[in-house]
N, C-alpha and C. Protein backbone atom coordinates (compact mmCIF):
# COMPACT_ATOMS: atom_id res chain seq x y z
N MET A 1 50.08 -188.20 -135.96
CA MET A 1 49.51 -189.47 -135.52
C MET A 1 49.90 -189.71 -134.07
N THR A 2 49.11 -190.53 -133.38
CA THR A 2 49.30 -190.80 -131.99
C THR A 2 50.14 -192.04 -131.74
N GLY A 3 51.19 -191.88 -130.98
CA GLY A 3 52.00 -193.06 -130.63
C GLY A 3 52.29 -193.04 -129.12
N ARG A 4 53.16 -193.95 -128.74
CA ARG A 4 53.51 -194.17 -127.34
C ARG A 4 54.08 -192.93 -126.68
N GLU A 5 54.80 -192.12 -127.44
CA GLU A 5 55.50 -190.96 -126.88
C GLU A 5 54.51 -189.90 -126.30
N LYS A 6 53.32 -189.93 -126.64
CA LYS A 6 52.35 -188.93 -126.16
C LYS A 6 51.81 -189.29 -124.73
N PHE A 7 52.15 -190.48 -124.25
CA PHE A 7 51.60 -190.97 -123.00
C PHE A 7 52.71 -191.30 -121.98
N THR A 8 52.39 -191.20 -120.69
CA THR A 8 53.32 -191.61 -119.65
C THR A 8 53.36 -193.14 -119.69
N PRO A 9 54.37 -193.72 -119.05
CA PRO A 9 54.44 -195.20 -118.99
C PRO A 9 53.16 -195.80 -118.29
N ASP A 10 52.65 -195.17 -117.22
CA ASP A 10 51.46 -195.65 -116.59
C ASP A 10 50.25 -195.54 -117.50
N GLU A 11 50.13 -194.48 -118.23
CA GLU A 11 48.99 -194.29 -119.12
C GLU A 11 49.06 -195.32 -120.27
N TRP A 12 50.27 -195.56 -120.73
CA TRP A 12 50.45 -196.54 -121.85
C TRP A 12 50.03 -197.96 -121.34
N GLU A 13 50.42 -198.28 -120.14
CA GLU A 13 50.09 -199.59 -119.53
C GLU A 13 48.56 -199.71 -119.46
N LEU A 14 47.89 -198.66 -119.08
CA LEU A 14 46.43 -198.65 -118.96
C LEU A 14 45.79 -198.85 -120.35
N LEU A 15 46.36 -198.24 -121.38
CA LEU A 15 45.84 -198.40 -122.76
C LEU A 15 46.00 -199.84 -123.22
N ILE A 16 47.15 -200.43 -122.85
CA ILE A 16 47.38 -201.84 -123.21
C ILE A 16 46.38 -202.76 -122.54
N LYS A 17 46.04 -202.55 -121.30
CA LYS A 17 45.16 -203.38 -120.56
C LYS A 17 43.69 -203.11 -120.74
N ALA A 18 43.33 -202.01 -121.41
CA ALA A 18 41.94 -201.62 -121.57
C ALA A 18 41.10 -202.70 -122.25
N GLY A 19 41.52 -203.27 -123.31
CA GLY A 19 40.79 -204.33 -124.02
C GLY A 19 40.54 -205.54 -123.15
N ILE A 20 41.56 -205.90 -122.37
CA ILE A 20 41.41 -207.03 -121.43
C ILE A 20 40.36 -206.68 -120.39
N MET A 21 40.37 -205.50 -119.86
CA MET A 21 39.37 -205.14 -118.88
C MET A 21 37.96 -205.22 -119.42
N VAL A 22 37.78 -204.76 -120.65
CA VAL A 22 36.45 -204.85 -121.32
C VAL A 22 36.04 -206.28 -121.47
N GLY A 23 36.95 -207.10 -122.03
CA GLY A 23 36.65 -208.53 -122.24
C GLY A 23 36.36 -209.30 -120.98
N ARG A 24 37.18 -209.04 -119.97
CA ARG A 24 36.95 -209.78 -118.70
C ARG A 24 35.69 -209.29 -117.99
N SER A 25 35.30 -208.03 -118.17
CA SER A 25 34.07 -207.57 -117.62
C SER A 25 32.89 -208.32 -118.25
N ILE A 26 32.99 -208.58 -119.58
CA ILE A 26 31.98 -209.34 -120.29
C ILE A 26 31.97 -210.78 -119.78
N ILE A 27 33.12 -211.34 -119.62
CA ILE A 27 33.22 -212.78 -119.20
C ILE A 27 32.59 -212.96 -117.84
N ILE A 28 32.90 -212.09 -116.86
CA ILE A 28 32.33 -212.34 -115.51
C ILE A 28 30.90 -211.81 -115.40
N SER A 29 30.34 -211.17 -116.36
CA SER A 29 28.97 -210.82 -116.31
C SER A 29 28.07 -211.97 -116.76
N ASP A 30 28.62 -212.95 -117.39
CA ASP A 30 27.86 -214.12 -117.88
C ASP A 30 27.96 -215.29 -116.94
N LYS A 31 27.47 -216.45 -117.37
CA LYS A 31 27.53 -217.61 -116.53
C LYS A 31 28.94 -218.19 -116.47
N PRO A 32 29.34 -218.70 -115.31
CA PRO A 32 30.70 -219.25 -115.16
C PRO A 32 31.01 -220.37 -116.16
N ARG A 33 30.06 -221.15 -116.54
CA ARG A 33 30.34 -222.30 -117.41
C ARG A 33 30.73 -221.85 -118.83
N ARG A 34 30.50 -220.61 -119.16
CA ARG A 34 30.83 -220.10 -120.46
C ARG A 34 32.21 -219.40 -120.49
N ALA A 35 32.83 -219.27 -119.35
CA ALA A 35 34.01 -218.47 -119.21
C ALA A 35 35.17 -218.95 -120.07
N ARG A 36 35.41 -220.28 -120.14
CA ARG A 36 36.55 -220.80 -120.86
C ARG A 36 36.48 -220.47 -122.33
N LYS A 37 35.30 -220.66 -122.95
CA LYS A 37 35.16 -220.36 -124.35
C LYS A 37 35.31 -218.87 -124.60
N LYS A 38 34.78 -218.03 -123.74
CA LYS A 38 34.89 -216.59 -123.89
C LYS A 38 36.35 -216.15 -123.74
N GLN A 39 37.08 -216.82 -122.86
CA GLN A 39 38.47 -216.46 -122.70
C GLN A 39 39.27 -216.73 -123.97
N ARG A 40 38.98 -217.84 -124.64
CA ARG A 40 39.62 -218.15 -125.92
C ARG A 40 39.30 -217.14 -126.98
N VAL A 41 38.05 -216.72 -127.06
CA VAL A 41 37.63 -215.72 -128.03
C VAL A 41 38.27 -214.37 -127.72
N LEU A 42 38.36 -214.00 -126.45
CA LEU A 42 38.98 -212.71 -126.06
C LEU A 42 40.38 -212.66 -126.52
N ARG A 43 41.14 -213.76 -126.46
CA ARG A 43 42.52 -213.76 -126.90
C ARG A 43 42.67 -213.43 -128.40
N LYS A 44 41.68 -213.80 -129.17
CA LYS A 44 41.68 -213.54 -130.63
C LYS A 44 40.97 -212.25 -131.01
N ALA A 45 40.23 -211.72 -130.14
CA ALA A 45 39.40 -210.56 -130.42
C ALA A 45 40.17 -209.31 -130.88
N PHE A 46 41.38 -209.17 -130.32
CA PHE A 46 42.22 -207.96 -130.67
C PHE A 46 42.49 -207.94 -132.18
N GLU A 47 42.98 -209.06 -132.70
CA GLU A 47 43.31 -209.15 -134.12
C GLU A 47 42.06 -209.15 -134.99
N ARG A 48 41.03 -209.77 -134.55
CA ARG A 48 39.82 -209.88 -135.36
C ARG A 48 39.12 -208.51 -135.56
N THR A 49 39.24 -207.65 -134.56
CA THR A 49 38.53 -206.35 -134.58
C THR A 49 39.41 -205.20 -135.14
N ALA A 50 40.70 -205.34 -135.09
CA ALA A 50 41.60 -204.26 -135.49
C ALA A 50 41.43 -203.84 -136.96
N PRO A 51 41.22 -204.80 -137.88
CA PRO A 51 41.03 -204.39 -139.31
C PRO A 51 39.84 -203.43 -139.53
N ASN A 52 38.91 -203.36 -138.60
CA ASN A 52 37.82 -202.36 -138.71
C ASN A 52 38.37 -200.95 -138.66
N TYR A 53 39.57 -200.81 -138.11
CA TYR A 53 40.14 -199.46 -137.91
C TYR A 53 41.51 -199.40 -138.52
N SER A 54 41.66 -199.88 -139.75
CA SER A 54 42.96 -199.82 -140.43
C SER A 54 43.42 -198.37 -140.58
N GLY A 55 44.70 -198.16 -140.38
CA GLY A 55 45.23 -196.81 -140.47
C GLY A 55 45.26 -196.11 -139.13
N ASN A 56 44.68 -196.70 -138.08
CA ASN A 56 44.76 -196.11 -136.75
C ASN A 56 46.06 -196.46 -136.11
N GLU A 57 46.99 -195.50 -136.03
CA GLU A 57 48.33 -195.74 -135.50
C GLU A 57 48.35 -196.06 -134.01
N LEU A 58 47.39 -195.56 -133.29
CA LEU A 58 47.31 -195.82 -131.84
C LEU A 58 47.00 -197.31 -131.63
N ILE A 59 46.00 -197.83 -132.33
CA ILE A 59 45.66 -199.20 -132.23
C ILE A 59 46.85 -200.09 -132.66
N ALA A 60 47.50 -199.69 -133.77
CA ALA A 60 48.62 -200.48 -134.29
C ALA A 60 49.76 -200.48 -133.28
N ALA A 61 49.95 -199.39 -132.51
CA ALA A 61 51.05 -199.31 -131.52
C ALA A 61 50.69 -200.14 -130.30
N VAL A 62 49.43 -200.16 -129.93
CA VAL A 62 49.02 -200.91 -128.71
C VAL A 62 48.90 -202.41 -128.95
N MET A 63 48.55 -202.77 -130.16
CA MET A 63 48.21 -204.17 -130.46
C MET A 63 49.27 -205.19 -130.05
N PRO A 64 50.55 -205.09 -130.37
CA PRO A 64 51.51 -206.12 -129.99
C PRO A 64 51.54 -206.43 -128.54
N GLU A 65 51.56 -205.41 -127.68
CA GLU A 65 51.64 -205.56 -126.27
C GLU A 65 50.30 -206.04 -125.69
N ALA A 66 49.22 -205.55 -126.26
CA ALA A 66 47.86 -205.93 -125.79
C ALA A 66 47.62 -207.45 -126.05
N LYS A 67 48.09 -207.90 -127.25
CA LYS A 67 47.93 -209.33 -127.58
C LYS A 67 48.69 -210.20 -126.64
N LYS A 68 49.90 -209.78 -126.20
CA LYS A 68 50.67 -210.57 -125.25
C LYS A 68 49.95 -210.63 -123.92
N VAL A 69 49.37 -209.52 -123.47
CA VAL A 69 48.66 -209.52 -122.20
C VAL A 69 47.39 -210.40 -122.32
N ALA A 70 46.77 -210.41 -123.48
CA ALA A 70 45.56 -211.17 -123.69
C ALA A 70 45.88 -212.68 -123.60
N GLN A 71 47.10 -213.10 -123.95
CA GLN A 71 47.43 -214.51 -123.92
C GLN A 71 47.66 -215.05 -122.50
N GLU A 72 47.85 -214.15 -121.58
CA GLU A 72 48.06 -214.56 -120.18
C GLU A 72 46.76 -215.18 -119.62
N ARG A 73 46.91 -216.33 -119.02
CA ARG A 73 45.73 -217.01 -118.40
C ARG A 73 45.33 -216.33 -117.07
N PHE A 74 44.09 -216.40 -116.78
CA PHE A 74 43.63 -215.90 -115.52
C PHE A 74 42.62 -216.84 -114.91
N ASP A 75 42.48 -216.78 -113.64
CA ASP A 75 41.57 -217.67 -112.94
C ASP A 75 40.18 -217.03 -112.88
N ALA A 76 39.32 -217.50 -113.74
CA ALA A 76 37.96 -216.93 -113.86
C ALA A 76 37.16 -217.16 -112.58
N LYS A 77 37.39 -218.29 -111.86
CA LYS A 77 36.66 -218.54 -110.62
C LYS A 77 36.87 -217.43 -109.60
N THR A 78 38.10 -216.94 -109.49
CA THR A 78 38.37 -215.87 -108.56
C THR A 78 37.63 -214.58 -108.97
N LEU A 79 37.64 -214.29 -110.28
CA LEU A 79 36.96 -213.14 -110.79
C LEU A 79 35.44 -213.22 -110.51
N PHE A 80 34.86 -214.43 -110.70
CA PHE A 80 33.44 -214.58 -110.46
C PHE A 80 33.05 -214.38 -109.01
N MET A 81 33.94 -214.78 -108.12
CA MET A 81 33.64 -214.67 -106.66
C MET A 81 33.59 -213.20 -106.25
N GLU A 82 34.34 -212.35 -106.90
CA GLU A 82 34.37 -210.91 -106.54
C GLU A 82 34.00 -210.07 -107.74
N ARG A 83 33.01 -210.55 -108.53
CA ARG A 83 32.68 -209.91 -109.75
C ARG A 83 32.28 -208.46 -109.62
N ASP A 84 31.45 -208.11 -108.66
CA ASP A 84 31.02 -206.69 -108.54
C ASP A 84 32.15 -205.74 -108.24
N MET A 85 33.02 -206.15 -107.33
CA MET A 85 34.17 -205.29 -106.96
C MET A 85 35.11 -205.17 -108.15
N ILE A 86 35.40 -206.30 -108.83
CA ILE A 86 36.31 -206.28 -109.95
C ILE A 86 35.73 -205.46 -111.09
N THR A 87 34.47 -205.62 -111.39
CA THR A 87 33.85 -204.84 -112.46
C THR A 87 33.93 -203.37 -112.19
N GLU A 88 33.64 -202.99 -110.97
CA GLU A 88 33.74 -201.58 -110.58
C GLU A 88 35.15 -201.02 -110.76
N GLY A 89 36.14 -201.81 -110.39
CA GLY A 89 37.53 -201.44 -110.60
C GLY A 89 37.88 -201.27 -112.03
N PHE A 90 37.43 -202.21 -112.88
CA PHE A 90 37.65 -202.11 -114.32
C PHE A 90 36.96 -200.82 -114.89
N MET A 91 35.76 -200.57 -114.42
CA MET A 91 35.06 -199.38 -114.96
C MET A 91 35.73 -198.09 -114.57
N LYS A 92 36.24 -198.06 -113.37
CA LYS A 92 36.99 -196.86 -112.94
C LYS A 92 38.21 -196.66 -113.78
N GLU A 93 38.93 -197.76 -114.05
CA GLU A 93 40.12 -197.63 -114.91
C GLU A 93 39.77 -197.27 -116.33
N LEU A 94 38.65 -197.81 -116.86
CA LEU A 94 38.21 -197.46 -118.18
C LEU A 94 37.84 -195.97 -118.26
N GLY A 95 37.31 -195.45 -117.16
CA GLY A 95 37.06 -193.99 -117.10
C GLY A 95 38.33 -193.20 -117.24
N MET A 96 39.42 -193.73 -116.65
CA MET A 96 40.68 -193.06 -116.78
C MET A 96 41.23 -193.16 -118.20
N VAL A 97 40.96 -194.29 -118.86
CA VAL A 97 41.34 -194.47 -120.27
C VAL A 97 40.64 -193.39 -121.09
N GLY A 98 39.35 -193.22 -120.86
CA GLY A 98 38.64 -192.19 -121.59
C GLY A 98 39.28 -190.83 -121.45
N LYS A 99 39.73 -190.48 -120.27
CA LYS A 99 40.36 -189.21 -120.03
C LYS A 99 41.75 -189.16 -120.67
N ILE A 100 42.49 -190.28 -120.61
CA ILE A 100 43.83 -190.30 -121.18
C ILE A 100 43.79 -190.06 -122.69
N LEU A 101 42.76 -190.58 -123.30
CA LEU A 101 42.69 -190.54 -124.79
C LEU A 101 42.49 -189.09 -125.29
N ILE A 102 42.33 -188.12 -124.41
CA ILE A 102 42.28 -186.73 -124.82
C ILE A 102 43.58 -186.35 -125.48
N LYS A 103 44.66 -186.99 -125.06
CA LYS A 103 46.01 -186.71 -125.64
C LYS A 103 46.14 -187.19 -127.10
N ALA A 104 45.28 -188.11 -127.49
CA ALA A 104 45.38 -188.66 -128.84
C ALA A 104 44.56 -187.74 -129.80
N GLU A 105 44.87 -187.92 -131.06
CA GLU A 105 44.06 -187.20 -132.08
C GLU A 105 42.61 -187.67 -131.95
N GLU A 106 41.70 -186.77 -132.23
CA GLU A 106 40.27 -187.03 -131.96
C GLU A 106 39.78 -188.25 -132.70
N LYS A 107 40.10 -188.43 -133.98
CA LYS A 107 39.62 -189.57 -134.77
C LYS A 107 40.23 -190.90 -134.20
N GLU A 108 41.51 -190.87 -133.92
CA GLU A 108 42.15 -192.05 -133.39
C GLU A 108 41.61 -192.44 -132.01
N ALA A 109 41.36 -191.47 -131.19
CA ALA A 109 40.79 -191.68 -129.88
C ALA A 109 39.41 -192.33 -129.97
N ARG A 110 38.57 -191.81 -130.83
CA ARG A 110 37.24 -192.34 -131.00
C ARG A 110 37.31 -193.78 -131.49
N GLU A 111 38.18 -194.02 -132.52
CA GLU A 111 38.29 -195.38 -133.07
C GLU A 111 38.84 -196.33 -132.03
N PHE A 112 39.79 -195.87 -131.21
CA PHE A 112 40.33 -196.69 -130.14
C PHE A 112 39.23 -197.15 -129.18
N LYS A 113 38.35 -196.20 -128.84
CA LYS A 113 37.23 -196.50 -127.93
C LYS A 113 36.28 -197.52 -128.59
N LEU A 114 35.98 -197.30 -129.88
CA LEU A 114 35.13 -198.24 -130.57
C LEU A 114 35.78 -199.63 -130.71
N TRP A 115 37.09 -199.63 -130.90
CA TRP A 115 37.84 -200.92 -130.94
C TRP A 115 37.67 -201.68 -129.62
N LEU A 116 37.79 -200.95 -128.54
CA LEU A 116 37.63 -201.59 -127.20
C LEU A 116 36.22 -202.21 -127.08
N LEU A 117 35.22 -201.43 -127.51
CA LEU A 117 33.86 -201.97 -127.46
C LEU A 117 33.68 -203.18 -128.37
N ASN A 118 34.31 -203.13 -129.57
CA ASN A 118 34.26 -204.28 -130.44
C ASN A 118 34.86 -205.53 -129.85
N ILE A 119 35.93 -205.35 -129.08
CA ILE A 119 36.57 -206.49 -128.39
C ILE A 119 35.55 -207.10 -127.40
N GLY A 120 34.82 -206.20 -126.70
CA GLY A 120 33.77 -206.68 -125.78
C GLY A 120 32.63 -207.38 -126.50
N GLU A 121 32.24 -206.83 -127.64
CA GLU A 121 31.17 -207.42 -128.42
C GLU A 121 31.54 -208.79 -128.96
N VAL A 122 32.74 -208.92 -129.48
CA VAL A 122 33.19 -210.23 -129.98
C VAL A 122 33.24 -211.23 -128.86
N THR A 123 33.73 -210.80 -127.71
CA THR A 123 33.80 -211.71 -126.56
C THR A 123 32.40 -212.15 -126.16
N ALA A 124 31.46 -211.22 -126.14
CA ALA A 124 30.05 -211.51 -125.77
C ALA A 124 29.40 -212.49 -126.77
N LEU A 125 29.77 -212.38 -128.03
CA LEU A 125 29.18 -213.25 -129.04
C LEU A 125 29.81 -214.66 -129.10
N ALA A 126 30.70 -214.94 -128.15
CA ALA A 126 31.42 -216.21 -128.18
C ALA A 126 30.52 -217.42 -128.02
N VAL A 127 29.44 -217.24 -127.30
CA VAL A 127 28.50 -218.37 -127.08
C VAL A 127 27.05 -217.89 -127.26
N ARG A 128 26.22 -218.82 -127.63
CA ARG A 128 24.84 -218.51 -127.71
C ARG A 128 24.17 -219.09 -126.44
N ASP A 129 22.95 -218.80 -126.26
CA ASP A 129 22.18 -219.32 -125.15
C ASP A 129 21.84 -220.76 -125.49
N GLU A 130 22.64 -221.71 -125.00
CA GLU A 130 22.48 -223.09 -125.34
C GLU A 130 21.11 -223.69 -125.01
N GLU A 131 20.57 -223.26 -123.90
CA GLU A 131 19.26 -223.84 -123.50
C GLU A 131 18.18 -223.52 -124.56
N LEU A 132 18.17 -222.31 -125.04
CA LEU A 132 17.17 -221.95 -126.04
C LEU A 132 17.52 -222.58 -127.38
N ALA A 133 18.80 -222.69 -127.68
CA ALA A 133 19.17 -223.30 -128.98
C ALA A 133 18.80 -224.77 -129.03
N ASN A 134 18.86 -225.43 -127.90
CA ASN A 134 18.54 -226.89 -127.85
C ASN A 134 17.05 -227.14 -128.12
N ILE A 135 16.20 -226.17 -127.85
CA ILE A 135 14.76 -226.35 -128.15
C ILE A 135 14.33 -225.62 -129.45
N GLY A 136 15.32 -225.14 -130.21
CA GLY A 136 15.03 -224.57 -131.51
C GLY A 136 14.80 -223.08 -131.52
N LEU A 137 14.97 -222.41 -130.37
CA LEU A 137 14.81 -220.97 -130.32
C LEU A 137 16.18 -220.31 -130.46
N PRO A 138 16.24 -219.15 -131.16
CA PRO A 138 17.55 -218.55 -131.41
C PRO A 138 18.23 -218.01 -130.16
N GLY A 139 17.49 -217.46 -129.23
CA GLY A 139 18.12 -216.88 -128.02
C GLY A 139 18.83 -215.56 -128.36
N GLU A 140 19.19 -214.82 -127.32
CA GLU A 140 19.95 -213.61 -127.52
C GLU A 140 21.41 -213.98 -127.57
N GLU A 141 22.10 -213.47 -128.55
CA GLU A 141 23.51 -213.78 -128.60
C GLU A 141 24.31 -212.91 -127.68
N ILE A 142 23.87 -211.75 -127.39
CA ILE A 142 24.49 -210.89 -126.38
C ILE A 142 23.40 -210.68 -125.34
N SER A 143 23.67 -211.17 -124.16
CA SER A 143 22.67 -211.15 -123.09
C SER A 143 22.40 -209.72 -122.64
N LYS A 144 21.30 -209.55 -121.90
CA LYS A 144 20.94 -208.22 -121.35
C LYS A 144 22.08 -207.77 -120.40
N THR A 145 22.61 -208.66 -119.64
CA THR A 145 23.71 -208.29 -118.70
C THR A 145 24.92 -207.81 -119.46
N GLU A 146 25.25 -208.54 -120.49
CA GLU A 146 26.43 -208.14 -121.33
C GLU A 146 26.20 -206.81 -122.03
N LYS A 147 24.97 -206.58 -122.52
CA LYS A 147 24.63 -205.30 -123.11
C LYS A 147 24.81 -204.16 -122.05
N LYS A 148 24.38 -204.44 -120.87
CA LYS A 148 24.48 -203.49 -119.79
C LYS A 148 25.95 -203.12 -119.55
N VAL A 149 26.79 -204.15 -119.52
CA VAL A 149 28.22 -203.92 -119.30
C VAL A 149 28.82 -203.10 -120.50
N LEU A 150 28.43 -203.46 -121.71
CA LEU A 150 28.96 -202.73 -122.86
C LEU A 150 28.51 -201.24 -122.83
N LYS A 151 27.30 -201.01 -122.45
CA LYS A 151 26.83 -199.65 -122.34
C LYS A 151 27.57 -198.87 -121.25
N ARG A 152 27.85 -199.58 -120.15
CA ARG A 152 28.61 -198.94 -119.06
C ARG A 152 30.03 -198.61 -119.52
N VAL A 153 30.62 -199.51 -120.27
CA VAL A 153 31.94 -199.30 -120.80
C VAL A 153 31.94 -198.04 -121.72
N ALA A 154 30.94 -197.98 -122.56
CA ALA A 154 30.82 -196.81 -123.50
C ALA A 154 30.67 -195.52 -122.69
N LYS A 155 29.92 -195.55 -121.62
CA LYS A 155 29.74 -194.38 -120.79
C LYS A 155 31.06 -193.99 -120.16
N GLU A 156 31.80 -194.95 -119.60
CA GLU A 156 33.04 -194.63 -118.94
C GLU A 156 34.08 -194.11 -119.97
N LEU A 157 34.02 -194.58 -121.19
CA LEU A 157 34.93 -194.13 -122.20
C LEU A 157 34.46 -192.83 -122.84
N THR A 158 33.38 -192.29 -122.40
CA THR A 158 32.72 -191.05 -122.91
C THR A 158 32.39 -191.23 -124.42
N LEU A 159 31.79 -192.37 -124.70
CA LEU A 159 31.32 -192.70 -126.03
C LEU A 159 29.86 -192.97 -126.04
N VAL A 160 29.14 -191.92 -125.73
CA VAL A 160 27.66 -192.05 -125.58
C VAL A 160 27.01 -191.11 -126.63
N PRO A 161 25.97 -191.50 -127.30
CA PRO A 161 25.21 -192.72 -127.18
C PRO A 161 25.94 -193.88 -127.88
N TYR A 162 25.62 -195.08 -127.40
CA TYR A 162 26.22 -196.30 -127.91
C TYR A 162 25.11 -197.31 -128.13
N VAL A 163 25.17 -198.00 -129.26
CA VAL A 163 24.29 -199.10 -129.52
C VAL A 163 25.12 -200.35 -129.74
N VAL A 164 24.72 -201.44 -129.11
CA VAL A 164 25.49 -202.71 -129.19
C VAL A 164 25.46 -203.16 -130.66
N ASP A 165 26.67 -203.48 -131.16
CA ASP A 165 26.90 -203.93 -132.52
C ASP A 165 26.75 -205.44 -132.53
N MET A 166 25.73 -205.98 -133.09
CA MET A 166 25.47 -207.44 -133.10
C MET A 166 26.34 -208.17 -134.20
N ASN A 167 27.06 -207.38 -134.99
CA ASN A 167 27.97 -207.93 -135.99
C ASN A 167 29.25 -207.13 -135.95
N PRO A 168 30.05 -207.23 -134.85
CA PRO A 168 31.19 -206.37 -134.67
C PRO A 168 32.36 -206.60 -135.60
N VAL A 169 32.48 -207.74 -136.14
CA VAL A 169 33.62 -208.04 -137.03
C VAL A 169 33.07 -208.12 -138.44
N HIS A 170 33.41 -207.17 -139.24
CA HIS A 170 32.86 -207.08 -140.58
C HIS A 170 33.84 -207.75 -141.55
N SER A 171 33.45 -208.90 -142.05
CA SER A 171 34.32 -209.63 -142.93
C SER A 171 34.13 -209.18 -144.39
N LYS A 172 35.09 -209.49 -145.23
CA LYS A 172 34.96 -209.13 -146.62
C LYS A 172 34.32 -210.28 -147.38
N ARG A 173 34.06 -211.35 -146.74
CA ARG A 173 33.42 -212.52 -147.34
C ARG A 173 31.95 -212.17 -147.66
N PRO A 174 31.48 -212.50 -148.86
CA PRO A 174 30.09 -212.20 -149.21
C PRO A 174 29.12 -213.02 -148.36
N SER A 175 27.93 -212.46 -148.13
CA SER A 175 26.94 -213.19 -147.34
C SER A 175 26.38 -214.38 -148.13
N ARG A 176 25.63 -215.21 -147.50
CA ARG A 176 25.06 -216.37 -148.14
C ARG A 176 24.11 -215.92 -149.28
N ALA A 177 23.31 -214.87 -149.03
CA ALA A 177 22.42 -214.35 -150.02
C ALA A 177 23.18 -213.83 -151.23
N GLU A 178 24.29 -213.13 -151.01
CA GLU A 178 25.11 -212.64 -152.08
C GLU A 178 25.73 -213.78 -152.90
N ARG A 179 26.16 -214.84 -152.24
CA ARG A 179 26.75 -215.94 -152.92
C ARG A 179 25.70 -216.69 -153.75
N LYS A 180 24.44 -216.79 -153.23
CA LYS A 180 23.37 -217.46 -153.99
C LYS A 180 23.00 -216.64 -155.24
N ALA A 181 23.00 -215.28 -155.07
CA ALA A 181 22.65 -214.47 -156.22
C ALA A 181 23.62 -214.57 -157.35
N LYS A 182 24.93 -214.79 -156.97
CA LYS A 182 25.95 -214.93 -158.04
C LYS A 182 26.00 -216.31 -158.68
N ALA A 183 25.42 -217.31 -158.00
CA ALA A 183 25.48 -218.70 -158.50
C ALA A 183 24.70 -218.84 -159.82
N PRO A 184 25.22 -219.63 -160.73
CA PRO A 184 24.51 -219.79 -162.08
C PRO A 184 23.27 -220.59 -161.98
């Protein structure tokens, strides 16, 4: 199994920050007024998505430190002002993460990449398009811009082809239809 010992300290630091880079790329791709809510969701996304990959020792090893980094506050206004440059920097570093993961076992590396994308998807799903919701239309829950970012992340992580998961956190709770069917 893959643990910290397979990576240099710099590589490990990059693995810890990878989920934050994905989440923040999503946050700054959207409208600034949605940033605060997306930041709150990003902080919880690590734990919400990890159960999708139970048994992955790399994710389990990275999680405690990644959660600490996720709790750190950041100034979204600064990120929005330099969004293109910051996004390009994040993508370059995510490309390095994709290369670093060659050191991990193949299954763990693939799941780690999918976990990073799930973090991005959960962050993107933090808010709906309020303008459309106010007039009764459902709107896209993951915007075209966010989908573009997620696809770019997948490309940088060498996880292509990739399709955006509109339900990235799979709960064990039965659906409404399943609960209705069981009702007497």
